[in-house]
């Protein structure tokens, strides 16, 4: 019985880290997809309206998104880090808006790069 318990504990000690890594990889995949979607929608909004959105809620209010997606690393849609465009290089220089978006997480990916730099 002790041998069986030892084998099971060894198998569990191998399986748990692999399971945790697969969950993290799936969150990273969702983050990449959400960032791609947000960046595409920001570009479409800027092209259509001839000005960049002032907030992510503008994208929802004007029908470009149903809801602001969750940041899978923080679990919230309020933690996105917005990169505002420079007034001199903006389409509408009187109203510079969102140029890019990054994750609000302070953690690093499996490859070692911070999620806030993606």
PDB file of N, CA and C in Angstrom:
ATOM      1  N   UNK A   1       0.821  -1.193   0.000  1.00  0.00           N
ATOM      2  CA  UNK A   1       0.000   0.000   0.000  1.00  0.00           C
ATOM      3  C   UNK A   1       0.868   1.263   0.000  1.00  0.00           C
ATOM      4  N   UNK A   2       1.980   1.213   0.710  1.00  0.00           N
ATOM      5  CA  UNK A   2       2.891   2.356   0.769  1.00  0.00           C
ATOM      6  C   UNK A   2       3.516   2.629  -0.604  1.00  0.00           C
ATOM      7  N   UNK A   3       3.812   1.570  -1.337  1.00  0.00           N
ATOM      8  CA  UNK A   3       4.395   1.731  -2.668  1.00  0.00           C
ATOM      9  C   UNK A   3       3.400   2.419  -3.598  1.00  0.00           C
ATOM     10  N   UNK A   4       2.140   2.024  -3.531  1.00  0.00           N
ATOM     11  CA  UNK A   4       1.101   2.630  -4.358  1.00  0.00           C
ATOM     12  C   UNK A   4       0.947   4.105  -4.009  1.00  0.00           C
ATOM     13  N   UNK A   5       0.934   4.438  -2.732  1.00  0.00           N
ATOM     14  CA  UNK A   5       0.803   5.820  -2.293  1.00  0.00           C
ATOM     15  C   UNK A   5       2.005   6.655  -2.747  1.00  0.00           C
ATOM     16  N   UNK A   6       3.184   6.067  -2.702  1.00  0.00           N
ATOM     17  CA  UNK A   6       4.391   6.765  -3.151  1.00  0.00           C
ATOM     18  C   UNK A   6       4.328   7.051  -4.642  1.00  0.00           C
ATOM     19  N   UNK A   7       3.898   6.079  -5.414  1.00  0.00           N
ATOM     20  CA  UNK A   7       3.778   6.270  -6.867  1.00  0.00           C
ATOM     21  C   UNK A   7       2.747   7.331  -7.177  1.00  0.00           C
ATOM     22  N   UNK A   8       1.621   7.315  -6.500  1.00  0.00           N
ATOM     23  CA  UNK A   8       0.572   8.324  -6.723  1.00  0.00           C
ATOM     24  C   UNK A   8       1.079   9.716  -6.364  1.00  0.00           C
ATOM     25  N   UNK A   9       1.799   9.843  -5.258  1.00  0.00           N
ATOM     26  CA  UNK A   9       2.307  11.161  -4.865  1.00  0.00           C
ATOM     27  C   UNK A   9       3.343  11.675  -5.861  1.00  0.00           C
ATOM     28  N   UNK A  10       4.150  10.797  -6.417  1.00  0.00           N
ATOM     29  CA  UNK A  10       5.119  11.211  -7.436  1.00  0.00           C
ATOM     30  C   UNK A  10       4.390  11.689  -8.690  1.00  0.00           C
ATOM     31  N   UNK A  11       3.385  10.943  -9.106  1.00  0.00           N
ATOM     32  CA  UNK A  11       2.611  11.340 -10.289  1.00  0.00           C
ATOM     33  C   UNK A  11       1.899  12.684 -10.081  1.00  0.00           C
ATOM     34  N   UNK A  12       1.348  12.891  -8.909  1.00  0.00           N
ATOM     35  CA  UNK A  12       0.672  14.157  -8.608  1.00  0.00           C
ATOM     36  C   UNK A  12       1.674  15.300  -8.577  1.00  0.00           C
ATOM     37  N   UNK A  13       2.854  15.067  -8.024  1.00  0.00           N
ATOM     38  CA  UNK A  13       3.866  16.130  -7.963  1.00  0.00           C
ATOM     39  C   UNK A  13       4.367  16.515  -9.350  1.00  0.00           C
ATOM     40  N   UNK A  14       4.247  15.636 -10.316  1.00  0.00           N
ATOM     41  CA  UNK A  14       4.605  15.950 -11.702  1.00  0.00           C
ATOM     42  C   UNK A  14       3.442  16.624 -12.413  1.00  0.00           C
ATOM     43  N   UNK A  15       2.231  16.163 -12.147  1.00  0.00           N
ATOM     44  CA  UNK A  15       1.062  16.650 -12.874  1.00  0.00           C
ATOM     45  C   UNK A  15       0.641  18.061 -12.472  1.00  0.00           C
ATOM     46  N   UNK A  16       0.750  18.420 -11.211  1.00  0.00           N
ATOM     47  CA  UNK A  16       0.274  19.728 -10.742  1.00  0.00           C
ATOM     48  C   UNK A  16       1.025  20.883 -11.413  1.00  0.00           C
ATOM     49  N   UNK A  17       2.356  20.886 -11.466  1.00  0.00           N
ATOM     50  CA  UNK A  17       3.035  21.987 -12.157  1.00  0.00           C
ATOM     51  C   UNK A  17       2.683  22.072 -13.649  1.00  0.00           C
ATOM     52  N   UNK A  18       2.520  20.920 -14.284  1.00  0.00           N
ATOM     53  CA  UNK A  18       2.132  20.928 -15.694  1.00  0.00           C
ATOM     54  C   UNK A  18       0.736  21.516 -15.877  1.00  0.00           C
ATOM     55  N   UNK A  19      -0.160  21.188 -14.980  1.00  0.00           N
ATOM     56  CA  UNK A  19      -1.522  21.727 -15.025  1.00  0.00           C
ATOM     57  C   UNK A  19      -1.505  23.236 -14.809  1.00  0.00           C
ATOM     58  N   UNK A  20      -0.738  23.707 -13.838  1.00  0.00           N
ATOM     59  CA  UNK A  20      -0.650  25.144 -13.579  1.00  0.00           C
ATOM     60  C   UNK A  20      -0.053  25.886 -14.768  1.00  0.00           C
ATOM     61  N   UNK A  21       0.930  25.294 -15.412  1.00  0.00           N
ATOM     62  CA  UNK A  21       1.535  25.907 -16.586  1.00  0.00           C
ATOM     63  C   UNK A  21       0.549  25.977 -17.747  1.00  0.00           C
ATOM     64  N   UNK A  22      -0.264  24.946 -17.908  1.00  0.00           N
ATOM     65  CA  UNK A  22      -1.248  24.958 -19.000  1.00  0.00           C
ATOM     66  C   UNK A  22      -2.312  26.018 -18.757  1.00  0.00           C
ATOM     67  N   UNK A  23      -2.690  26.240 -17.505  1.00  0.00           N
ATOM     68  CA  UNK A  23      -3.646  27.310 -17.193  1.00  0.00           C
ATOM     69  C   UNK A  23      -3.024  28.665 -17.516  1.00  0.00           C
ATOM     70  N   UNK A  24      -1.773  28.869 -17.160  1.00  0.00           N
ATOM     71  CA  UNK A  24      -1.100  30.133 -17.448  1.00  0.00           C
ATOM     72  C   UNK A  24      -0.959  30.348 -18.952  1.00  0.00           C
ATOM     73  N   UNK A  25      -0.647  29.292 -19.691  1.00  0.00           N
ATOM     74  CA  UNK A  25      -0.546  29.415 -21.151  1.00  0.00           C
ATOM     75  C   UNK A  25      -1.889  29.805 -21.767  1.00  0.00           C
ATOM     76  N   UNK A  26      -2.972  29.261 -21.250  1.00  0.00           N
ATOM     77  CA  UNK A  26      -4.290  29.620 -21.787  1.00  0.00           C
ATOM     78  C   UNK A  26      -4.631  31.074 -21.454  1.00  0.00           C
ATOM     79  N   UNK A  27      -4.261  31.551 -20.267  1.00  0.00           N
ATOM     80  CA  UNK A  27      -4.475  32.966 -19.932  1.00  0.00           C
ATOM     81  C   UNK A  27      -3.650  33.867 -20.840  1.00  0.00           C
ATOM     82  N   UNK A  28      -2.422  33.459 -21.140  1.00  0.00           N
ATOM     83  CA  UNK A  28      -1.580  34.236 -22.044  1.00  0.00           C
ATOM     84  C   UNK A  28      -2.189  34.297 -23.440  1.00  0.00           C
ATOM     85  N   UNK A  29      -2.759  33.197 -23.876  1.00  0.00           N
ATOM     86  CA  UNK A  29      -3.409  33.161 -25.180  1.00  0.00           C
ATOM     87  C   UNK A  29      -4.613  34.110 -25.218  1.00  0.00           C
ATOM     88  N   UNK A  30      -5.404  34.098 -24.159  1.00  0.00           N
ATOM     89  CA  UNK A  30      -6.556  35.004 -24.079  1.00  0.00           C
ATOM     90  C   UNK A  30      -6.080  36.455 -24.050  1.00  0.00           C
ATOM     91  N   UNK A  31      -5.002  36.737 -23.326  1.00  0.00           N
ATOM     92  CA  UNK A  31      -4.459  38.093 -23.278  1.00  0.00           C
ATOM     93  C   UNK A  31      -4.017  38.555 -24.656  1.00  0.00           C
ATOM     94  N   UNK A  32      -3.305  37.710 -25.380  1.00  0.00           N
ATOM     95  CA  UNK A  32      -2.876  38.072 -26.743  1.00  0.00           C
ATOM     96  C   UNK A  32      -4.082  38.381 -27.628  1.00  0.00           C
ATOM     97  N   UNK A  33      -5.106  37.545 -27.530  1.00  0.00           N
ATOM     98  CA  UNK A  33      -6.309  37.733 -28.332  1.00  0.00           C
ATOM     99  C   UNK A  33      -7.026  39.030 -27.946  1.00  0.00           C
ATOM    100  N   UNK A  34      -7.168  39.305 -26.652  1.00  0.00           N
ATOM    101  CA  UNK A  34      -7.832  40.522 -26.206  1.00  0.00           C
ATOM    102  C   UNK A  34      -7.059  41.766 -26.615  1.00  0.00           C
ATOM    103  N   UNK A  35      -5.739  41.727 -26.514  1.00  0.00           N
ATOM    104  CA  UNK A  35      -4.926  42.870 -26.941  1.00  0.00           C
ATOM    105  C   UNK A  35      -5.057  43.105 -28.440  1.00  0.00           C
ATOM    106  N   UNK A  36      -5.037  42.023 -29.222  1.00  0.00           N
ATOM    107  CA  UNK A  36      -5.206  42.158 -30.672  1.00  0.00           C
ATOM    108  C   UNK A  36      -6.556  42.789 -30.998  1.00  0.00           C
ATOM    109  N   UNK A  37      -7.611  42.313 -30.344  1.00  0.00           N
ATOM    110  CA  UNK A  37      -8.954  42.844 -30.581  1.00  0.00           C
ATOM    111  C   UNK A  37      -9.034  44.310 -30.191  1.00  0.00           C
ATOM    112  N   UNK A  38      -8.542  44.652 -29.016  1.00  0.00           N
ATOM    113  CA  UNK A  38      -8.600  46.044 -28.572  1.00  0.00           C
ATOM    114  C   UNK A  38      -7.823  46.961 -29.508  1.00  0.00           C
ATOM    115  N   UNK A  39      -6.646  46.548 -29.920  1.00  0.00           N
ATOM    116  CA  UNK A  39      -5.833  47.392 -30.804  1.00  0.00           C
ATOM    117  C   UNK A  39      -6.492  47.552 -32.179  1.00  0.00           C
ATOM    118  N   UNK A  40      -7.093  46.484 -32.665  1.00  0.00           N
ATOM    119  CA  UNK A  40      -7.793  46.567 -33.952  1.00  0.00           C
ATOM    120  C   UNK A  40      -8.983  47.511 -33.863  1.00  0.00           C
ATOM    121  N   UNK A  41      -9.759  47.383 -32.789  1.00  0.00           N
ATOM    122  CA  UNK A  41     -10.951  48.217 -32.618  1.00  0.00           C
ATOM    123  C   UNK A  41     -10.564  49.683 -32.405  1.00  0.00           C
ATOM    124  N   UNK A  42      -9.472  49.940 -31.685  1.00  0.00           N
ATOM    125  CA  UNK A  42      -9.002  51.320 -31.504  1.00  0.00           C
ATOM    126  C   UNK A  42      -8.636  51.918 -32.856  1.00  0.00           C
ATOM    127  N   UNK A  43      -7.944  51.150 -33.694  1.00  0.00           N
ATOM    128  CA  UNK A  43      -7.582  51.634 -35.036  1.00  0.00           C
ATOM    129  C   UNK A  43      -8.819  51.891 -35.887  1.00  0.00           C
ATOM    130  N   UNK A  44      -9.803  50.991 -35.832  1.00  0.00           N
ATOM    131  CA  UNK A  44     -11.036  51.177 -36.610  1.00  0.00           C
ATOM    132  C   UNK A  44     -11.798  52.416 -36.141  1.00  0.00           C
ATOM    133  N   UNK A  45     -11.891  52.594 -34.838  1.00  0.00           N
ATOM    134  CA  UNK A  45     -12.572  53.771 -34.281  1.00  0.00           C
ATOM    135  C   UNK A  45     -11.871  55.042 -34.743  1.00  0.00           C
ATOM    136  N   UNK A  46     -10.549  55.057 -34.646  1.00  0.00           N
ATOM    137  CA  UNK A  46      -9.776  56.237 -35.037  1.00  0.00           C
ATOM    138  C   UNK A  46      -9.961  56.545 -36.520  1.00  0.00           C
ATOM    139  N   UNK A  47      -9.981  55.532 -37.341  1.00  0.00           N
ATOM    140  CA  UNK A  47     -10.176  55.722 -38.779  1.00  0.00           C
ATOM    141  C   UNK A  47     -11.594  56.228 -39.071  1.00  0.00           C
ATOM    142  N   UNK A  48     -12.597  55.626 -38.449  1.00  0.00           N
ATOM    143  CA  UNK A  48     -13.989  56.006 -38.707  1.00  0.00           C
ATOM    144  C   UNK A  48     -14.336  57.392 -38.184  1.00  0.00           C
ATOM    145  N   UNK A  49     -13.903  57.707 -36.979  1.00  0.00           N
ATOM    146  CA  UNK A  49     -14.300  58.954 -36.309  1.00  0.00           C
ATOM    147  C   UNK A  49     -13.315  60.094 -36.545  1.00  0.00           C
ATOM    148  N   UNK A  50     -12.189  59.803 -37.148  1.00  0.00           N
ATOM    149  CA  UNK A  50     -11.125  60.781 -37.370  1.00  0.00           C
ATOM    150  C   UNK A  50     -10.601  61.365 -36.061  1.00  0.00           C
ATOM    151  N   UNK A  51     -10.732  60.595 -34.990  1.00  0.00           N
ATOM    152  CA  UNK A  51     -10.136  60.930 -33.700  1.00  0.00           C
ATOM    153  C   UNK A  51     -10.054  59.651 -32.887  1.00  0.00           C
ATOM    154  N   UNK A  52      -9.092  59.609 -32.011  1.00  0.00           N
ATOM    155  CA  UNK A  52      -8.898  58.418 -31.180  1.00  0.00           C
ATOM    156  C   UNK A  52      -9.899  58.418 -30.027  1.00  0.00           C
ATOM    157  N   UNK A  53     -10.271  57.238 -29.541  1.00  0.00           N
ATOM    158  CA  UNK A  53     -11.191  57.188 -28.393  1.00  0.00           C
ATOM    159  C   UNK A  53     -10.524  57.761 -27.147  1.00  0.00           C
ATOM    160  N   UNK A  54     -11.323  58.387 -26.307  1.00  0.00           N
ATOM    161  CA  UNK A  54     -10.813  58.962 -25.067  1.00  0.00           C
ATOM    162  C   UNK A  54     -10.751  57.923 -23.953  1.00  0.00           C
ATOM    163  N   UNK A  55     -11.574  56.891 -24.064  1.00  0.00           N
ATOM    164  CA  UNK A  55     -11.582  55.806 -23.078  1.00  0.00           C
ATOM    165  C   UNK A  55     -12.051  54.532 -23.768  1.00  0.00           C
ATOM    166  N   UNK A  56     -11.870  53.410 -23.107  1.00  0.00           N
ATOM    167  CA  UNK A  56     -12.341  52.149 -23.658  1.00  0.00           C
ATOM    168  C   UNK A  56     -13.862  52.098 -23.675  1.00  0.00           C
ATOM    169  N   UNK A  57     -14.501  52.829 -22.793  1.00  0.00           N
ATOM    170  CA  UNK A  57     -15.966  52.895 -22.767  1.00  0.00           C
ATOM    171  C   UNK A  57     -16.510  53.557 -24.035  1.00  0.00           C
ATOM    172  N   UNK A  58     -15.746  54.443 -24.662  1.00  0.00           N
ATOM    173  CA  UNK A  58     -16.168  55.031 -25.940  1.00  0.00           C
ATOM    174  C   UNK A  58     -16.365  53.956 -26.992  1.00  0.00           C
ATOM    175  N   UNK A  59     -15.516  52.931 -26.960  1.00  0.00           N
ATOM    176  CA  UNK A  59     -15.626  51.830 -27.920  1.00  0.00           C
ATOM    177  C   UNK A  59     -16.909  51.040 -27.694  1.00  0.00           C
ATOM    178  N   UNK A  60     -17.309  50.912 -26.445  1.00  0.00           N
ATOM    179  CA  UNK A  60     -18.546  50.194 -26.112  1.00  0.00           C
ATOM    180  C   UNK A  60     -19.753  51.055 -26.475  1.00  0.00           C
ATOM    181  N   UNK A  61     -19.710  52.327 -26.101  1.00  0.00           N
ATOM    182  CA  UNK A  61     -20.844  53.225 -26.342  1.00  0.00           C
ATOM    183  C   UNK A  61     -21.138  53.421 -27.826  1.00  0.00           C
ATOM    184  N   UNK A  62     -20.097  53.377 -28.666  1.00  0.00           N
ATOM    185  CA  UNK A  62     -20.286  53.573 -30.103  1.00  0.00           C
ATOM    186  C   UNK A  62     -20.444  52.263 -30.867  1.00  0.00           C
ATOM    187  N   UNK A  63     -20.556  51.145 -30.153  1.00  0.00           N
ATOM    188  CA  UNK A  63     -20.875  49.869 -30.782  1.00  0.00           C
ATOM    189  C   UNK A  63     -19.703  49.103 -31.366  1.00  0.00           C
ATOM    190  N   UNK A  64     -18.488  49.486 -31.060  1.00  0.00           N
ATOM    191  CA  UNK A  64     -17.330  48.753 -31.567  1.00  0.00           C
ATOM    192  C   UNK A  64     -17.046  47.498 -30.741  1.00  0.00           C
ATOM    193  N   UNK A  65     -17.438  47.516 -29.482  1.00  0.00           N
ATOM    194  CA  UNK A  65     -17.316  46.366 -28.590  1.00  0.00           C
ATOM    195  C   UNK A  65     -18.620  46.212 -27.813  1.00  0.00           C
ATOM    196  N   UNK A  66     -18.947  44.983 -27.439  1.00  0.00           N
ATOM    197  CA  UNK A  66     -20.115  44.779 -26.565  1.00  0.00           C
ATOM    198  C   UNK A  66     -19.794  45.195 -25.139  1.00  0.00           C
ATOM    199  N   UNK A  67     -18.657  44.748 -24.666  1.00  0.00           N
ATOM    200  CA  UNK A  67     -18.154  45.127 -23.347  1.00  0.00           C
ATOM    201  C   UNK A  67     -16.636  45.220 -23.441  1.00  0.00           C
ATOM    202  N   UNK A  68     -16.050  45.924 -22.508  1.00  0.00           N
ATOM    203  CA  UNK A  68     -14.593  45.974 -22.428  1.00  0.00           C
ATOM    204  C   UNK A  68     -14.132  44.593 -21.949  1.00  0.00           C
ATOM    205  N   UNK A  69     -13.233  43.942 -22.689  1.00  0.00           N
ATOM    206  CA  UNK A  69     -12.812  42.591 -22.289  1.00  0.00           C
ATOM    207  C   UNK A  69     -12.020  42.601 -20.981  1.00  0.00           C
ATOM    208  N   UNK A  70     -12.046  41.472 -20.312  1.00  0.00           N
ATOM    209  CA  UNK A  70     -11.280  41.310 -19.080  1.00  0.00           C
ATOM    210  C   UNK A  70      -9.808  41.133 -19.398  1.00  0.00           C
ATOM    211  N   UNK A  71      -8.982  41.677 -18.548  1.00  0.00           N
ATOM    212  CA  UNK A  71      -7.556  41.373 -18.584  1.00  0.00           C
ATOM    213  C   UNK A  71      -7.412  40.051 -17.837  1.00  0.00           C
ATOM    214  N   UNK A  72      -7.095  38.953 -18.517  1.00  0.00           N
ATOM    215  CA  UNK A  72      -7.072  37.645 -17.844  1.00  0.00           C
ATOM    216  C   UNK A  72      -6.005  37.541 -16.756  1.00  0.00           C
ATOM    217  N   UNK A  73      -5.018  38.392 -16.793  1.00  0.00           N
ATOM    218  CA  UNK A  73      -3.957  38.325 -15.783  1.00  0.00           C
ATOM    219  C   UNK A  73      -4.368  39.016 -14.487  1.00  0.00           C
ATOM    220  N   UNK A  74      -5.278  39.986 -14.573  1.00  0.00           N
ATOM    221  CA  UNK A  74      -5.742  40.677 -13.367  1.00  0.00           C
ATOM    222  C   UNK A  74      -7.178  40.313 -13.027  1.00  0.00           C
ATOM    223  N   UNK A  75      -7.920  39.775 -13.998  1.00  0.00           N
ATOM    224  CA  UNK A  75      -9.308  39.399 -13.770  1.00  0.00           C
ATOM    225  C   UNK A  75     -10.269  40.564 -13.767  1.00  0.00           C
ATOM    226  N   UNK A  76      -9.844  41.712 -14.301  1.00  0.00           N
ATOM    227  CA  UNK A  76     -10.687  42.906 -14.293  1.00  0.00           C
ATOM    228  C   UNK A  76     -10.613  43.607 -15.642  1.00  0.00           C
ATOM    229  N   UNK A  77     -11.689  44.299 -15.994  1.00  0.00           N
ATOM    230  CA  UNK A  77     -11.678  45.092 -17.223  1.00  0.00           C
ATOM    231  C   UNK A  77     -11.268  46.532 -16.935  1.00  0.00           C
ATOM    232  N   UNK A  78     -11.006  46.852 -15.676  1.00  0.00           N
ATOM    233  CA  UNK A  78     -10.642  48.211 -15.282  1.00  0.00           C
ATOM    234  C   UNK A  78      -9.136  48.421 -15.143  1.00  0.00           C
ATOM    235  N   UNK A  79      -8.351  47.378 -15.331  1.00  0.00           N
ATOM    236  CA  UNK A  79      -6.908  47.482 -15.073  1.00  0.00           C
ATOM    237  C   UNK A  79      -6.068  47.659 -16.331  1.00  0.00           C
ATOM    238  N   UNK A  80      -6.681  47.779 -17.495  1.00  0.00           N
ATOM    239  CA  UNK A  80      -5.911  47.970 -18.721  1.00  0.00           C
ATOM    240  C   UNK A  80      -5.090  49.259 -18.599  1.00  0.00           C
ATOM    241  N   UNK A  81      -3.849  49.201 -19.041  1.00  0.00           N
ATOM    242  CA  UNK A  81      -2.983  50.374 -19.051  1.00  0.00           C
ATOM    243  C   UNK A  81      -3.087  51.031 -20.422  1.00  0.00           C
ATOM    244  N   UNK A  82      -3.611  52.240 -20.458  1.00  0.00           N
ATOM    245  CA  UNK A  82      -3.835  52.938 -21.717  1.00  0.00           C
ATOM    246  C   UNK A  82      -2.616  53.783 -22.065  1.00  0.00           C
ATOM    247  N   UNK A  83      -2.239  53.767 -23.332  1.00  0.00           N
ATOM    248  CA  UNK A  83      -1.151  54.598 -23.833  1.00  0.00           C
ATOM    249  C   UNK A  83      -1.812  55.669 -24.678  1.00  0.00           C
ATOM    250  N   UNK A  84      -1.712  56.910 -24.211  1.00  0.00           N
ATOM    251  CA  UNK A  84      -2.322  58.033 -24.922  1.00  0.00           C
ATOM    252  C   UNK A  84      -1.364  58.512 -26.011  1.00  0.00           C
ATOM    253  N   UNK A  85      -1.953  58.940 -27.132  1.00  0.00           N
ATOM    254  CA  UNK A  85      -1.125  59.408 -28.238  1.00  0.00           C
ATOM    255  C   UNK A  85      -0.591  60.801 -27.943  1.00  0.00           C
ATOM    256  N   UNK A  86       0.495  61.130 -28.585  1.00  0.00           N
ATOM    257  CA  UNK A  86       1.100  62.444 -28.461  1.00  0.00           C
ATOM    258  C   UNK A  86       0.227  63.452 -29.201  1.00  0.00           C
ATOM    259  N   UNK A  87      -0.001  64.611 -28.631  1.00  0.00           N
ATOM    260  CA  UNK A  87      -0.878  65.619 -29.239  1.00  0.00           C
ATOM    261  C   UNK A  87      -0.372  66.056 -30.612  1.00  0.00           C
ATOM    262  N   UNK A  88       0.921  66.095 -30.789  1.00  0.00           N
ATOM    263  CA  UNK A  88       1.476  66.553 -32.065  1.00  0.00           C
ATOM    264  C   UNK A  88       1.302  65.514 -33.173  1.00  0.00           C
ATOM    265  N   UNK A  89       1.231  64.241 -32.827  1.00  0.00           N
ATOM    266  CA  UNK A  89       1.111  63.205 -33.852  1.00  0.00           C
ATOM    267  C   UNK A  89      -0.298  62.631 -33.942  1.00  0.00           C
ATOM    268  N   UNK A  90      -1.237  63.180 -33.180  1.00  0.00           N
ATOM    269  CA  UNK A  90      -2.594  62.639 -33.186  1.00  0.00           C
ATOM    270  C   UNK A  90      -3.352  63.095 -34.424  1.00  0.00           C
ATOM    271  N   UNK A  91      -4.388  62.331 -34.776  1.00  0.00           N
ATOM    272  CA  UNK A  91      -5.224  62.663 -35.925  1.00  0.00           C
ATOM    273  C   UNK A  91      -5.921  63.995 -35.671  1.00  0.00           C
ATOM    274  N   UNK A  92      -6.527  64.128 -34.503  1.00  0.00           N
ATOM    275  CA  UNK A  92      -7.184  65.356 -34.097  1.00  0.00           C
ATOM    276  C   UNK A  92      -6.349  65.953 -32.980  1.00  0.00           C
ATOM    277  N   UNK A  93      -5.543  66.966 -33.293  1.00  0.00           N
ATOM    278  CA  UNK A  93      -4.572  67.476 -32.331  1.00  0.00           C
ATOM    279  C   UNK A  93      -5.213  68.134 -31.115  1.00  0.00           C
ATOM    280  N   UNK A  94      -6.503  68.481 -31.190  1.00  0.00           N
ATOM    281  CA  UNK A  94      -7.168  69.081 -30.033  1.00  0.00           C
ATOM    282  C   UNK A  94      -7.624  68.032 -29.030  1.00  0.00           C
ATOM    283  N   UNK A  95      -7.783  66.769 -29.485  1.00  0.00           N
ATOM    284  CA  UNK A  95      -8.252  65.700 -28.606  1.00  0.00           C
ATOM    285  C   UNK A  95      -7.411  64.440 -28.768  1.00  0.00           C
ATOM    286  N   UNK A  96      -6.197  64.425 -28.227  1.00  0.00           N
ATOM    287  CA  UNK A  96      -5.435  63.174 -28.310  1.00  0.00           C
ATOM    288  C   UNK A  96      -6.113  62.104 -27.469  1.00  0.00           C
ATOM    289  N   UNK A  97      -6.114  60.885 -27.978  1.00  0.00           N
ATOM    290  CA  UNK A  97      -6.806  59.794 -27.301  1.00  0.00           C
ATOM    291  C   UNK A  97      -5.932  58.572 -27.149  1.00  0.00           C
ATOM    292  N   UNK A  98      -6.583  57.435 -27.007  1.00  0.00           N
ATOM    293  CA  UNK A  98      -5.884  56.173 -26.781  1.00  0.00           C
ATOM    294  C   UNK A  98      -5.159  55.750 -28.056  1.00  0.00           C
ATOM    295  N   UNK A  99      -3.895  55.441 -27.904  1.00  0.00           N
ATOM    296  CA  UNK A  99      -3.078  54.980 -29.014  1.00  0.00           C
ATOM    297  C   UNK A  99      -2.810  53.482 -28.927  1.00  0.00           C
ATOM    298  N   UNK A 100      -2.645  52.988 -27.699  1.00  0.00           N
ATOM    299  CA  UNK A 100      -2.321  51.577 -27.493  1.00  0.00           C
ATOM    300  C   UNK A 100      -2.830  51.164 -26.122  1.00  0.00           C
ATOM    301  N   UNK A 101      -2.822  49.867 -25.862  1.00  0.00           N
ATOM    302  CA  UNK A 101      -3.289  49.323 -24.585  1.00  0.00           C
ATOM    303  C   UNK A 101      -2.395  48.153 -24.195  1.00  0.00           C
ATOM    304  N   UNK A 102      -2.150  48.031 -22.889  1.00  0.00           N
ATOM    305  CA  UNK A 102      -1.325  46.947 -22.352  1.00  0.00           C
ATOM    306  C   UNK A 102      -2.020  46.357 -21.130  1.00  0.00           C
ATOM    307  N   UNK A 103      -1.568  45.191 -20.720  1.00  0.00           N
ATOM    308  CA  UNK A 103      -2.109  44.551 -19.528  1.00  0.00           C
ATOM    309  C   UNK A 103      -1.699  45.351 -18.292  1.00  0.00           C
ATOM    310  N   UNK A 104      -2.549  45.338 -17.299  1.00  0.00           N
ATOM    311  CA  UNK A 104      -2.248  46.014 -16.040  1.00  0.00           C
ATOM    312  C   UNK A 104      -1.518  45.138 -15.046  1.00  0.00           C
ATOM    313  N   UNK A 105      -1.160  43.942 -15.446  1.00  0.00           N
ATOM    314  CA  UNK A 105      -0.497  43.005 -14.552  1.00  0.00           C
ATOM    315  C   UNK A 105       0.972  43.373 -14.367  1.00  0.00           C
ATOM    316  N   UNK A 106       1.473  43.132 -13.164  1.00  0.00           N
ATOM    317  CA  UNK A 106       2.897  43.371 -12.900  1.00  0.00           C
ATOM    318  C   UNK A 106       3.706  42.080 -12.964  1.00  0.00           C
ATOM    319  N   UNK A 107       3.064  40.998 -13.396  1.00  0.00           N
ATOM    320  CA  UNK A 107       3.732  39.697 -13.484  1.00  0.00           C
ATOM    321  C   UNK A 107       4.433  39.538 -14.825  1.00  0.00           C
ATOM    322  N   UNK A 108       5.271  38.510 -14.906  1.00  0.00           N
ATOM    323  CA  UNK A 108       6.015  38.220 -16.134  1.00  0.00           C
ATOM    324  C   UNK A 108       5.486  36.932 -16.762  1.00  0.00           C
ATOM    325  N   UNK A 109       5.631  36.849 -18.068  1.00  0.00           N
ATOM    326  CA  UNK A 109       5.166  35.681 -18.814  1.00  0.00           C
ATOM    327  C   UNK A 109       6.110  34.503 -18.601  1.00  0.00           C
ATOM    328  N   UNK A 110       5.742  33.368 -19.181  1.00  0.00           N
ATOM    329  CA  UNK A 110       6.593  32.184 -19.095  1.00  0.00           C
ATOM    330  C   UNK A 110       7.934  32.407 -19.784  1.00  0.00           C
ATOM    331  N   UNK A 111       7.952  33.307 -20.780  1.00  0.00           N
ATOM    332  CA  UNK A 111       9.201  33.622 -21.481  1.00  0.00           C
ATOM    333  C   UNK A 111      10.030  34.656 -20.735  1.00  0.00           C
ATOM    334  N   UNK A 112       9.436  35.297 -19.717  1.00  0.00           N
ATOM    335  CA  UNK A 112      10.182  36.265 -18.915  1.00  0.00           C
ATOM    336  C   UNK A 112       9.848  37.720 -19.182  1.00  0.00           C
ATOM    337  N   UNK A 113       9.064  38.018 -20.213  1.00  0.00           N
ATOM    338  CA  UNK A 113       8.707  39.417 -20.489  1.00  0.00           C
ATOM    339  C   UNK A 113       7.500  39.815 -19.669  1.00  0.00           C
ATOM    340  N   UNK A 114       7.495  41.020 -19.122  1.00  0.00           N
ATOM    341  CA  UNK A 114       6.335  41.471 -18.351  1.00  0.00           C
ATOM    342  C   UNK A 114       5.096  41.591 -19.240  1.00  0.00           C
ATOM    343  N   UNK A 115       3.933  41.231 -18.688  1.00  0.00           N
ATOM    344  CA  UNK A 115       2.689  41.336 -19.453  1.00  0.00           C
ATOM    345  C   UNK A 115       2.389  42.787 -19.796  1.00  0.00           C
ATOM    346  N   UNK A 116       2.870  43.698 -18.994  1.00  0.00           N
ATOM    347  CA  UNK A 116       2.611  45.122 -19.246  1.00  0.00           C
ATOM    348  C   UNK A 116       3.387  45.643 -20.454  1.00  0.00           C
ATOM    349  N   UNK A 117       4.272  44.845 -21.020  1.00  0.00           N
ATOM    350  CA  UNK A 117       5.015  45.246 -22.226  1.00  0.00           C
ATOM    351  C   UNK A 117       4.462  44.611 -23.496  1.00  0.00           C
ATOM    352  N   UNK A 118       3.479  43.723 -23.360  1.00  0.00           N
ATOM    353  CA  UNK A 118       2.927  43.049 -24.543  1.00  0.00           C
ATOM    354  C   UNK A 118       2.153  44.017 -25.366  1.00  0.00           C
TER     355      UNK A 118
END
